[in-house]
Amino acid sequence: MYELDMLLHGAQALFNQPMALLLALFGVTLGIIIGALPGLTATMGVAILLPFTFGMDPLSGLLMISGVFFGGIYGGSVTAILLKIPGTPAAAATAIDGFELTKKGQAGIALGTATFSSFLGGTASVFVLIFLAPVLARFALEFSASESFALAVFGLSIIASISGVSVIKGLISGFLGLLLATVGLDPMGGFPRYTGGYTELFNVPFIPVMIGLFAAAEAFKSLEDPQVRAGMAAALDRIIPPWHMFRRQLGNIARSSGLGIIIGMIPGAGADIAAFVAYNEAKRFSKTPENYGKGELGAVAACESGANGCTGGALLTMLTLGIPGDAVTAVMLGALTLQGLQPGPLLFKDHADLVFTLFAGMLVCYVFMLVVGLGSLRFMGRILQMPKSVLTPCILALCIVGTYAINNSMFDIWIMLAAGVVGYFMQKWDFPASPVVLALIMGPMAEANFRRALSLSGGSYDFLYTRPITAVLLTIAILTLMLPLLRRLWAQRSPGGPTTINPAAGSSRMGTPE
């Protein structure tokens, strides 16, 4: 097979370039650190390192940037699990069950599962990139504005799965998030909406709101409850998950990785959407959906494999068609151009040796991520042993520094603190914060693509049912929203069946409840 032969030649060439390997290791390590810090994203890390690649040979520069990309997506899970501080937007889904596992004293297993799932998801995506790039790139081109709108609506329907014990409260939170998502510049007209004259609100302050809802709110709650972290000190006793436990997640990881790869290929989508969709599908197929939201290991595995599976998918369309799948690959497109390389089919023909050496290097980057990740978890786990009087101020300081680093703006800090207060009261009244974050991610994408599709169709709504992919995604979204209600009605009408059912447990799973 041509691809396999070229990959082996690429691996041989790679191991003759120790400096490229060293820079890849540096990129992965830096990416993990950047990803773990709230407010610093993989996009920011890649953008910071981009100018330094100008004087490097193409392989070294591209591998270092790829390492930052891969490490950044994974690093967000560490603080999400340990402290409920999502380092990246993609880790917001991981924080839902990851932090619950930490509270149960299973932080080590959760971190280990996240690391292995990230490695498997990312490695699978690189293999797909190597062997199926041309075929999948053509499929990705089928996604126009109407399909992207349907994907966003499907993403919003996931609110039913991440709402916890009350779907109604989850929907209210999601509606609040959608209202917040309307603040900023109109996606088609470009005029400001609901900004109150503040130019800082021209873009939805998504990351400050996310940090406030998850991290600052948790810190405020910690100040109120002195026993909140009691019992966590000795929690990080085992990192490598037992085989009998991890084996049960392999199907979940394979499915989530596939979803991540497909979502990564769609321009405008990204790891955050992939993580939430993977979470929803893992819950749908789980035999114990009622455990999701309460500390389910399968949720962590799904989110991390989905988010990291997205990396190869995003690179796929960027390398084969020159269309970046997300913000990070858009910056990486600039790195390719800086090196004098033109993405597209000719890249694989004219620079095949370099491309397949780069692919071999990406696989090595994921091995580095696994080794560095597992090696650093014991050190990071010591965070749990810090006394609350030290840890809580540190969390608040990280929130403030991370928020300020986004735009060097005090305004963002006030937004973050306000979101923290709102998040604190949402916790007290059992309103989930995750639907707000999900709506902030999906809302602008849904609105912009719906209006774009409407404009392309001349004002007709035909695109909602005449385009097959759009119709299928919208149908699945409606079923996902309605199934908890239908299951509840079915359970009440079944003779001898339960008279009540937990709506969160009902969720959207199709099949016989366990």
Protein backbone atom coordinates (compact mmCIF):
# COMPACT_ATOMS: atom_id res chain seq x y z
CA MET A 1 0.00 0.00 0.00
CA TYR A 2 1.36 3.38 -1.03
CA GLU A 3 0.39 5.23 2.18
CA LEU A 4 1.93 2.58 4.46
CA ASP A 5 5.19 2.51 2.53
CA MET A 6 5.40 6.29 2.60
CA LEU A 7 4.61 6.35 6.32
CA LEU A 8 7.44 3.90 7.05
CA HIS A 9 9.84 5.99 4.97
CA GLY A 10 8.62 9.07 6.80
CA ALA A 11 9.23 7.46 10.19
CA GLN A 12 12.76 6.52 9.12
CA ALA A 13 13.44 10.08 8.01
CA LEU A 14 11.95 11.48 11.21
CA PHE A 15 14.19 9.50 13.54
CA ASN A 16 17.21 10.86 11.68
CA GLN A 17 16.21 14.36 12.76
CA PRO A 18 16.59 14.52 16.57
CA MET A 19 16.03 18.29 16.68
CA ALA A 20 12.56 17.86 15.13
CA LEU A 21 11.72 15.25 17.77
CA LEU A 22 13.01 17.51 20.54
CA LEU A 23 10.89 20.42 19.30
CA ALA A 24 7.86 18.13 19.08
CA LEU A 25 8.38 17.14 22.73
CA PHE A 26 8.75 20.81 23.67
CA GLY A 27 5.55 21.66 21.80
CA VAL A 28 3.55 18.90 23.49
CA THR A 29 4.78 19.89 26.96
CA LEU A 30 4.07 23.56 26.35
CA GLY A 31 0.65 22.68 24.93
CA ILE A 32 -0.31 20.70 28.03
CA ILE A 33 0.69 23.61 30.27
CA ILE A 34 -1.18 26.13 28.11
CA GLY A 35 -4.25 23.90 27.93
CA ALA A 36 -4.33 23.43 31.68
CA LEU A 37 -4.36 27.17 32.38
CA PRO A 38 -7.85 28.70 32.16
CA GLY A 39 -8.18 31.32 29.46
CA LEU A 40 -5.16 30.12 27.48
CA THR A 41 -6.31 28.03 24.53
CA ALA A 42 -4.52 25.88 21.98
CA THR A 43 -5.26 28.59 19.40
CA MET A 44 -3.41 31.14 21.50
CA GLY A 45 -0.46 28.78 22.02
CA VAL A 46 -0.12 28.05 18.30
CA ALA A 47 -0.41 31.75 17.46
CA ILE A 48 2.31 32.65 19.98
CA LEU A 49 4.74 30.07 18.59
CA LEU A 50 4.00 30.78 14.93
CA PRO A 51 6.62 33.56 14.48
CA PHE A 52 9.33 31.33 15.99
CA THR A 53 8.85 28.74 13.23
CA PHE A 54 9.87 31.15 10.51
CA GLY A 55 13.59 30.34 10.79
CA MET A 56 13.08 26.60 11.25
CA ASP A 57 12.97 23.87 8.65
CA PRO A 58 9.36 22.99 7.71
CA LEU A 59 9.24 19.66 9.56
CA SER A 60 10.54 21.03 12.88
CA GLY A 61 8.26 24.07 12.82
CA LEU A 62 5.14 22.16 11.87
CA LEU A 63 5.79 19.39 14.42
CA MET A 64 6.30 21.90 17.23
CA ILE A 65 3.01 23.61 16.37
CA SER A 66 1.23 20.26 16.05
CA GLY A 67 2.55 19.34 19.51
CA VAL A 68 1.10 22.51 21.00
CA PHE A 69 -2.22 21.79 19.27
CA PHE A 70 -2.47 18.21 20.54
CA GLY A 71 -1.18 18.98 24.04
CA GLY A 72 -3.46 22.01 24.36
CA ILE A 73 -6.61 20.04 23.62
CA TYR A 74 -5.65 17.37 26.17
CA GLY A 75 -4.29 19.73 28.86
CA GLY A 76 -7.67 21.35 29.43
CA SER A 77 -8.96 18.12 30.95
CA VAL A 78 -6.50 18.13 33.87
CA THR A 79 -7.80 21.19 35.68
CA ALA A 80 -11.36 20.37 34.55
CA ILE A 81 -11.19 17.08 36.43
CA LEU A 82 -9.18 18.25 39.45
CA LEU A 83 -10.70 21.68 40.04
CA LYS A 84 -13.70 21.97 37.70
CA ILE A 85 -11.78 24.67 35.83
CA PRO A 86 -11.98 23.83 32.10
CA GLY A 87 -8.64 24.90 30.67
CA THR A 88 -10.20 24.97 27.21
CA PRO A 89 -13.81 25.20 25.99
CA ALA A 90 -13.63 21.53 24.94
CA ALA A 91 -12.92 20.53 28.54
CA ALA A 92 -16.20 22.06 29.76
CA ALA A 93 -17.93 18.77 28.89
CA THR A 94 -15.22 16.78 30.68
CA ALA A 95 -15.69 18.86 33.84
CA ILE A 96 -19.31 17.70 34.23
CA ASP A 97 -18.45 14.15 35.29
CA GLY A 98 -14.70 14.53 35.79
CA PHE A 99 -15.04 16.74 38.85
CA GLU A 100 -17.77 14.51 40.25
CA LEU A 101 -15.31 11.61 40.05
CA THR A 102 -12.75 13.73 41.92
CA LYS A 103 -15.29 14.38 44.66
CA LYS A 104 -15.79 10.61 44.90
CA GLY A 105 -12.04 10.12 45.40
CA GLN A 106 -11.44 8.77 41.88
CA ALA A 107 -9.43 11.66 40.45
CA GLY A 108 -6.48 9.44 39.52
CA ILE A 109 -8.59 6.99 37.52
CA ALA A 110 -10.42 9.87 35.84
CA LEU A 111 -7.16 11.58 34.83
CA GLY A 112 -5.66 8.31 33.61
CA THR A 113 -8.77 7.50 31.58
CA ALA A 114 -8.75 11.01 30.10
CA THR A 115 -5.08 10.62 29.12
CA PHE A 116 -5.50 7.22 27.47
CA SER A 117 -8.74 8.29 25.76
CA SER A 118 -7.07 11.43 24.41
CA PHE A 119 -4.17 9.36 23.12
CA LEU A 120 -6.42 6.79 21.43
CA GLY A 121 -8.77 9.39 19.95
CA GLY A 122 -5.96 11.55 18.63
CA THR A 123 -3.93 8.62 17.26
CA ALA A 124 -6.99 7.23 15.49
CA SER A 125 -7.63 10.61 13.90
CA VAL A 126 -4.06 10.79 12.55
CA PHE A 127 -4.40 7.30 11.03
CA VAL A 128 -7.66 8.37 9.38
CA LEU A 129 -5.85 11.47 8.14
CA ILE A 130 -3.15 9.27 6.58
CA PHE A 131 -5.30 6.63 4.91
CA LEU A 132 -8.72 8.19 4.21
CA ALA A 133 -8.00 11.87 3.64
CA PRO A 134 -9.20 12.23 0.01
CA VAL A 135 -12.46 10.26 0.55
CA LEU A 136 -13.48 12.05 3.75
CA ALA A 137 -12.53 15.47 2.40
CA ARG A 138 -15.15 15.08 -0.35
CA PHE A 139 -17.77 14.20 2.29
CA ALA A 140 -16.86 17.28 4.31
CA LEU A 141 -17.47 19.45 1.27
CA GLU A 142 -21.15 18.39 1.35
CA PHE A 143 -21.58 20.55 4.45
CA SER A 144 -22.91 23.96 3.50
CA ALA A 145 -24.69 26.54 5.67
CA SER A 146 -27.87 24.46 6.04
CA GLU A 147 -25.97 21.36 7.22
CA SER A 148 -23.92 23.43 9.66
CA PHE A 149 -27.14 24.94 11.01
CA ALA A 150 -28.62 21.46 11.49
CA LEU A 151 -25.45 20.33 13.25
CA ALA A 152 -25.69 23.30 15.62
CA VAL A 153 -29.36 22.50 16.35
CA PHE A 154 -28.38 18.89 17.04
CA GLY A 155 -25.72 20.21 19.39
CA LEU A 156 -28.30 22.34 21.20
CA SER A 157 -30.56 19.30 21.64
CA ILE A 158 -27.81 17.79 23.80
CA ILE A 159 -29.03 20.12 26.55
CA ALA A 160 -31.56 17.39 27.36
CA SER A 161 -28.66 15.06 28.20
CA ILE A 162 -26.52 17.39 30.29
CA SER A 163 -29.31 18.94 32.34
CA GLY A 164 -28.86 16.72 35.40
CA VAL A 165 -31.94 15.91 37.47
CA SER A 166 -34.26 18.47 35.85
CA VAL A 167 -34.62 18.84 32.08
CA ILE A 168 -36.80 21.93 32.61
CA LYS A 169 -34.04 23.69 34.55
CA GLY A 170 -31.55 22.63 31.87
CA LEU A 171 -33.74 24.12 29.15
CA ILE A 172 -34.07 27.36 31.13
CA SER A 173 -30.28 27.51 31.46
CA GLY A 174 -29.91 26.82 27.74
CA PHE A 175 -32.40 29.60 26.94
CA LEU A 176 -30.36 31.97 29.12
CA GLY A 177 -27.24 30.98 27.16
CA LEU A 178 -29.00 31.61 23.85
CA LEU A 179 -30.04 35.06 25.03
CA LEU A 180 -26.43 35.83 25.97
CA ALA A 181 -25.30 34.53 22.57
CA THR A 182 -27.30 37.26 20.83
CA VAL A 183 -25.06 39.94 22.38
CA GLY A 184 -22.43 41.26 19.97
CA LEU A 185 -22.22 42.05 16.30
CA ASP A 186 -24.99 40.82 14.05
CA PRO A 187 -23.47 37.92 12.05
CA MET A 188 -24.93 39.10 8.74
CA GLY A 189 -25.43 42.85 9.07
CA GLY A 190 -22.43 43.60 11.25
CA PHE A 191 -24.26 46.11 13.50
CA PRO A 192 -24.01 45.87 17.31
CA ARG A 193 -26.82 44.22 19.30
CA TYR A 194 -27.52 44.60 23.03
CA THR A 195 -24.00 45.85 23.71
CA GLY A 196 -25.06 48.92 25.71
CA GLY A 197 -22.42 50.94 23.87
CA TYR A 198 -19.56 48.73 25.17
CA THR A 199 -17.18 47.81 22.36
CA GLU A 200 -15.90 44.94 24.53
CA LEU A 201 -19.23 43.20 23.95
CA PHE A 202 -18.94 43.22 20.15
CA ASN A 203 -17.91 39.58 20.50
CA VAL A 204 -19.67 37.30 22.98
CA PRO A 205 -17.28 37.02 25.98
CA PHE A 206 -17.57 33.26 25.90
CA ILE A 207 -14.40 32.24 27.75
CA PRO A 208 -14.81 34.73 30.67
CA VAL A 209 -18.39 33.49 31.13
CA MET A 210 -17.24 29.87 31.05
CA ILE A 211 -14.46 30.48 33.59
CA GLY A 212 -16.89 32.34 35.84
CA LEU A 213 -19.66 29.73 35.66
CA PHE A 214 -17.38 26.78 36.32
CA ALA A 215 -14.30 27.92 38.21
CA ALA A 216 -15.23 31.13 40.07
CA ALA A 217 -18.60 29.71 41.09
CA GLU A 218 -16.87 26.63 42.50
CA ALA A 219 -14.43 28.85 44.41
CA PHE A 220 -17.32 30.88 45.89
CA LYS A 221 -19.03 27.65 46.92
CA SER A 222 -15.80 26.43 48.46
CA LEU A 223 -15.62 29.58 50.59
CA GLU A 224 -19.10 28.87 51.85
CA ASP A 225 -18.58 25.18 52.62
CA PRO A 226 -15.35 24.42 54.50
CA GLN A 227 -15.83 20.67 54.06
CA VAL A 228 -16.19 20.79 50.30
CA ARG A 229 -12.73 19.38 49.63
CA ALA A 230 -12.50 17.13 52.63
CA GLY A 231 -11.46 13.61 51.67
CA MET A 232 -9.85 14.58 48.37
CA ALA A 233 -6.30 14.66 49.71
CA ALA A 234 -5.63 10.96 49.25
CA ALA A 235 -7.73 10.62 46.12
CA LEU A 236 -4.94 10.34 43.53
CA ASP A 237 -3.81 6.87 44.55
CA ARG A 238 -4.01 5.13 41.17
CA ILE A 239 -3.63 6.68 37.72
CA ILE A 240 -3.58 3.75 35.30
CA PRO A 241 -7.19 2.52 35.08
CA PRO A 242 -7.66 -1.24 35.65
CA TRP A 243 -7.93 -3.16 32.39
CA HIS A 244 -11.35 -4.65 33.26
CA MET A 245 -12.62 -1.10 33.80
CA PHE A 246 -10.98 0.51 30.76
CA ARG A 247 -11.93 -2.37 28.47
CA ARG A 248 -15.58 -1.45 28.87
CA GLN A 249 -14.81 2.00 27.44
CA LEU A 250 -13.14 0.85 24.22
CA GLY A 251 -16.36 0.83 22.17
CA ASN A 252 -17.29 4.20 23.65
CA ILE A 253 -13.86 5.61 22.75
CA ALA A 254 -14.04 4.23 19.19
CA ARG A 255 -17.49 5.76 18.63
CA SER A 256 -16.52 9.10 20.17
CA SER A 257 -13.27 9.26 18.18
CA GLY A 258 -15.23 8.68 14.96
CA LEU A 259 -17.65 11.45 15.86
CA GLY A 260 -14.76 13.75 16.69
CA ILE A 261 -13.06 13.08 13.36
CA ILE A 262 -16.25 13.80 11.38
CA ILE A 263 -17.06 16.96 13.37
CA GLY A 264 -13.46 18.11 13.07
CA MET A 265 -13.71 18.01 9.29
CA ILE A 266 -16.67 20.40 9.25
CA PRO A 267 -15.45 23.98 8.85
CA GLY A 268 -16.54 26.13 11.78
CA ALA A 269 -17.00 23.23 14.18
CA GLY A 270 -14.31 22.30 16.68
CA ALA A 271 -13.21 20.24 19.64
CA ASP A 272 -15.75 21.86 22.00
CA ILE A 273 -18.69 20.77 19.82
CA ALA A 274 -17.14 17.32 19.34
CA ALA A 275 -16.79 16.85 23.11
CA PHE A 276 -20.44 17.70 23.85
CA VAL A 277 -21.76 15.56 20.96
CA ALA A 278 -19.59 12.63 22.09
CA TYR A 279 -20.93 13.06 25.65
CA ASN A 280 -24.51 12.92 24.41
CA GLU A 281 -23.97 9.82 22.27
CA ALA A 282 -22.08 8.05 25.06
CA LYS A 283 -25.04 8.63 27.35
CA ARG A 284 -27.46 7.53 24.65
CA PHE A 285 -25.71 4.17 24.21
CA SER A 286 -24.84 3.64 27.88
CA LYS A 287 -26.50 0.91 29.93
CA THR A 288 -26.44 3.28 32.93
CA PRO A 289 -27.40 6.72 31.57
CA GLU A 290 -28.67 7.71 35.00
CA ASN A 291 -25.04 7.85 36.21
CA TYR A 292 -24.11 10.60 33.75
CA GLY A 293 -23.67 13.91 35.50
CA LYS A 294 -22.92 12.13 38.77
CA GLY A 295 -19.38 10.93 38.02
CA GLU A 296 -19.42 8.46 35.12
CA LEU A 297 -16.05 7.33 33.75
CA GLY A 298 -17.54 6.74 30.30
CA ALA A 299 -18.40 10.45 30.06
CA VAL A 300 -14.76 11.44 30.59
CA ALA A 301 -13.57 8.87 28.04
CA ALA A 302 -16.13 10.04 25.46
CA CYS A 303 -15.41 13.76 25.84
CA GLU A 304 -11.63 13.39 25.64
CA SER A 305 -11.56 10.91 22.74
CA GLY A 306 -14.10 13.05 20.85
CA ALA A 307 -12.19 16.30 21.42
CA ASN A 308 -8.83 14.80 20.45
CA GLY A 309 -10.35 12.91 17.52
CA CYS A 310 -11.28 16.34 16.26
CA THR A 311 -7.61 17.26 15.77
CA GLY A 312 -6.99 14.89 12.87
CA GLY A 313 -10.33 15.76 11.29
CA ALA A 314 -9.56 19.47 11.39
CA LEU A 315 -6.12 18.88 9.87
CA LEU A 316 -7.63 16.66 7.17
CA THR A 317 -9.57 19.37 5.35
CA MET A 318 -6.81 21.89 5.97
CA LEU A 319 -4.11 19.75 4.34
CA THR A 320 -6.20 18.26 1.52
CA LEU A 321 -8.37 21.25 0.58
CA GLY A 322 -6.83 24.24 2.29
CA ILE A 323 -10.00 24.68 4.38
CA PRO A 324 -9.25 24.84 8.14
CA GLY A 325 -11.65 22.89 10.34
CA ASP A 326 -11.28 25.21 13.35
CA ALA A 327 -9.43 28.25 14.67
CA VAL A 328 -6.25 26.34 15.50
CA THR A 329 -5.87 24.87 12.03
CA ALA A 330 -6.59 28.30 10.58
CA VAL A 331 -3.45 29.53 12.35
CA MET A 332 -1.58 26.39 11.26
CA LEU A 333 -2.56 27.21 7.68
CA GLY A 334 -0.49 30.35 8.15
CA ALA A 335 2.42 28.22 9.36
CA LEU A 336 2.27 26.12 6.20
CA THR A 337 2.24 29.26 4.06
CA LEU A 338 5.20 30.67 5.99
CA GLN A 339 7.14 27.54 5.06
CA GLY A 340 6.29 28.03 1.38
CA LEU A 341 3.85 25.10 1.26
CA GLN A 342 0.48 25.33 -0.45
CA PRO A 343 -2.24 23.09 1.08
CA GLY A 344 -4.28 21.03 -1.37
CA PRO A 345 -3.97 17.89 -3.49
CA LEU A 346 -0.64 19.03 -4.93
CA LEU A 347 0.84 19.11 -1.42
CA PHE A 348 0.56 15.30 -1.29
CA LYS A 349 2.04 15.00 -4.80
CA ASP A 350 4.87 17.55 -4.76
CA HIS A 351 5.92 17.19 -1.09
CA ALA A 352 4.90 13.61 -0.31
CA ASP A 353 8.11 12.88 1.62
CA LEU A 354 7.59 15.86 3.91
CA VAL A 355 3.86 15.19 4.37
CA PHE A 356 4.29 11.58 5.42
CA THR A 357 7.26 12.44 7.65
CA LEU A 358 4.96 15.01 9.27
CA PHE A 359 2.27 12.34 9.72
CA ALA A 360 4.81 10.04 11.40
CA GLY A 361 5.79 12.97 13.63
CA MET A 362 2.16 13.56 14.60
CA LEU A 363 1.91 9.97 15.78
CA VAL A 364 5.09 10.50 17.80
CA CYS A 365 3.55 13.70 19.26
CA TYR A 366 0.66 11.67 20.61
CA VAL A 367 3.10 9.17 22.16
CA PHE A 368 4.89 12.14 23.78
CA MET A 369 1.53 13.41 25.02
CA LEU A 370 0.78 10.05 26.63
CA VAL A 371 4.18 9.85 28.33
CA VAL A 372 4.33 13.49 29.47
CA GLY A 373 0.68 13.42 30.53
CA LEU A 374 0.98 10.29 32.66
CA GLY A 375 4.32 11.43 34.06
CA SER A 376 2.97 14.79 35.18
CA LEU A 377 -0.36 13.67 36.66
CA ARG A 378 1.12 12.63 40.00
CA PHE A 379 2.65 16.09 40.35
CA MET A 380 -0.55 17.84 39.29
CA GLY A 381 -2.53 15.65 41.67
CA ARG A 382 -0.79 17.32 44.59
CA ILE A 383 -3.15 20.21 43.95
CA LEU A 384 -5.75 18.16 45.79
CA GLN A 385 -3.53 18.03 48.87
CA MET A 386 -3.35 21.79 49.16
CA PRO A 387 -5.33 23.18 52.10
CA LYS A 388 -8.54 24.94 51.17
CA SER A 389 -7.26 28.22 52.56
CA VAL A 390 -4.51 28.15 49.92
CA LEU A 391 -6.32 26.42 47.07
CA THR A 392 -9.37 28.69 46.87
CA PRO A 393 -7.38 31.95 46.52
CA CYS A 394 -5.19 30.19 43.95
CA ILE A 395 -8.25 29.22 41.93
CA LEU A 396 -9.56 32.78 42.02
CA ALA A 397 -6.12 34.12 41.06
CA LEU A 398 -5.93 31.70 38.13
CA CYS A 399 -9.40 32.78 37.04
CA ILE A 400 -8.44 36.45 37.09
CA VAL A 401 -5.04 36.02 35.41
CA GLY A 402 -6.43 33.64 32.78
CA THR A 403 -9.35 35.93 31.99
CA TYR A 404 -7.15 39.02 31.78
CA ALA A 405 -4.73 37.20 29.43
CA ILE A 406 -7.41 36.75 26.76
CA ASN A 407 -7.72 40.41 25.76
CA ASN A 408 -5.69 42.26 28.43
CA SER A 409 -9.03 43.66 29.56
CA MET A 410 -10.37 44.47 33.03
CA PHE A 411 -13.84 44.40 31.50
CA ASP A 412 -13.49 40.65 30.92
CA ILE A 413 -12.62 40.16 34.60
CA TRP A 414 -15.84 41.89 35.68
CA ILE A 415 -17.75 39.69 33.24
CA MET A 416 -16.07 36.60 34.71
CA LEU A 417 -16.85 37.64 38.31
CA ALA A 418 -20.47 38.41 37.42
CA ALA A 419 -20.77 35.00 35.74
CA GLY A 420 -19.22 33.47 38.87
CA VAL A 421 -21.91 35.00 41.08
CA VAL A 422 -24.63 33.83 38.69
CA GLY A 423 -23.05 30.38 38.59
CA TYR A 424 -22.92 30.23 42.38
CA PHE A 425 -26.66 30.87 42.68
CA MET A 426 -27.34 28.45 39.82
CA GLN A 427 -25.56 25.76 41.85
CA LYS A 428 -27.54 26.61 44.97
CA TRP A 429 -30.83 26.34 43.07
CA ASP A 430 -29.77 23.25 41.04
CA PHE A 431 -29.65 24.96 37.66
CA PRO A 432 -26.90 23.30 35.54
CA ALA A 433 -24.24 25.60 34.08
CA SER A 434 -23.24 23.35 31.16
CA PRO A 435 -26.31 24.20 29.01
CA VAL A 436 -25.34 27.90 29.21
CA VAL A 437 -21.87 27.13 27.86
CA LEU A 438 -23.27 24.82 25.20
CA ALA A 439 -25.75 27.48 24.06
CA LEU A 440 -22.97 30.08 23.91
CA ILE A 441 -20.99 27.75 21.61
CA MET A 442 -23.86 26.58 19.41
CA GLY A 443 -26.09 29.68 19.39
CA PRO A 444 -23.95 31.95 17.18
CA MET A 445 -23.16 29.03 14.86
CA ALA A 446 -26.85 28.16 14.50
CA GLU A 447 -27.95 31.76 13.91
CA ALA A 448 -25.25 32.64 11.39
CA ASN A 449 -25.70 29.48 9.33
CA PHE A 450 -29.51 29.60 9.44
CA ARG A 451 -29.57 33.15 8.10
CA ARG A 452 -26.90 32.31 5.53
CA ALA A 453 -28.86 29.26 4.35
CA LEU A 454 -32.04 31.33 4.21
CA SER A 455 -30.27 33.94 2.12
CA LEU A 456 -28.87 31.31 -0.27
CA SER A 457 -32.32 29.74 -0.74
CA GLY A 458 -33.92 33.10 -1.56
CA GLY A 459 -35.97 33.21 1.65
CA SER A 460 -37.39 29.69 1.27
CA TYR A 461 -37.36 27.22 4.14
CA ASP A 462 -37.08 24.29 1.73
CA PHE A 463 -33.48 23.61 2.78
CA LEU A 464 -34.79 22.28 6.10
CA TYR A 465 -36.21 19.13 4.45
CA THR A 466 -34.86 18.92 0.90
CA ARG A 467 -31.20 18.43 1.84
CA PRO A 468 -30.72 14.88 3.19
CA ILE A 469 -27.98 15.56 5.76
CA THR A 470 -29.88 18.57 7.10
CA ALA A 471 -33.14 16.62 7.39
CA VAL A 472 -31.45 13.68 9.16
CA LEU A 473 -29.64 15.89 11.68
CA LEU A 474 -32.79 17.90 12.46
CA THR A 475 -34.81 14.70 12.90
CA ILE A 476 -32.22 13.30 15.32
CA ALA A 477 -32.24 16.60 17.20
CA ILE A 478 -36.04 16.51 17.63
CA LEU A 479 -35.90 12.88 18.78
CA THR A 480 -33.13 13.70 21.24
CA LEU A 481 -35.25 16.45 22.78
CA MET A 482 -38.50 14.45 22.80
CA LEU A 483 -37.30 11.03 23.89
CA PRO A 484 -37.07 11.80 27.64
CA LEU A 485 -40.72 12.93 27.56
CA LEU A 486 -41.82 9.95 25.43
CA ARG A 487 -40.00 7.49 27.68
CA ARG A 488 -41.66 9.02 30.72
CA LEU A 489 -45.11 8.75 29.13
CA TRP A 490 -44.40 5.19 28.04
CA ALA A 491 -43.27 4.21 31.53
CA GLN A 492 -46.42 5.68 33.09
CA ARG A 493 -48.75 3.88 30.66
CA SER A 494 -47.00 0.51 30.74
CA PRO A 495 -48.86 -1.96 32.99
CA GLY A 496 -46.64 -2.85 35.91
CA GLY A 497 -44.07 -0.28 34.82
CA PRO A 498 -42.62 2.39 37.06
CA THR A 499 -44.97 5.21 37.88
CA THR A 500 -42.17 7.73 37.94
CA ILE A 501 -38.89 8.02 36.17
CA ASN A 502 -35.95 10.32 36.59
CA PRO A 503 -35.93 12.59 33.56
CA ALA A 504 -32.16 12.70 33.57
CA ALA A 505 -32.05 8.95 33.52
CA GLY A 506 -34.50 8.86 30.67
CA SER A 507 -32.40 11.16 28.54
CA SER A 508 -32.24 10.24 24.89
CA ARG A 509 -31.12 6.66 25.00
CA MET A 510 -32.94 4.39 22.58
CA GLY A 511 -33.46 0.91 23.88
CA THR A 512 -34.53 -0.96 26.92
CA PRO A 513 -33.56 0.67 30.19
CA GLU A 514 -31.43 -1.42 32.42
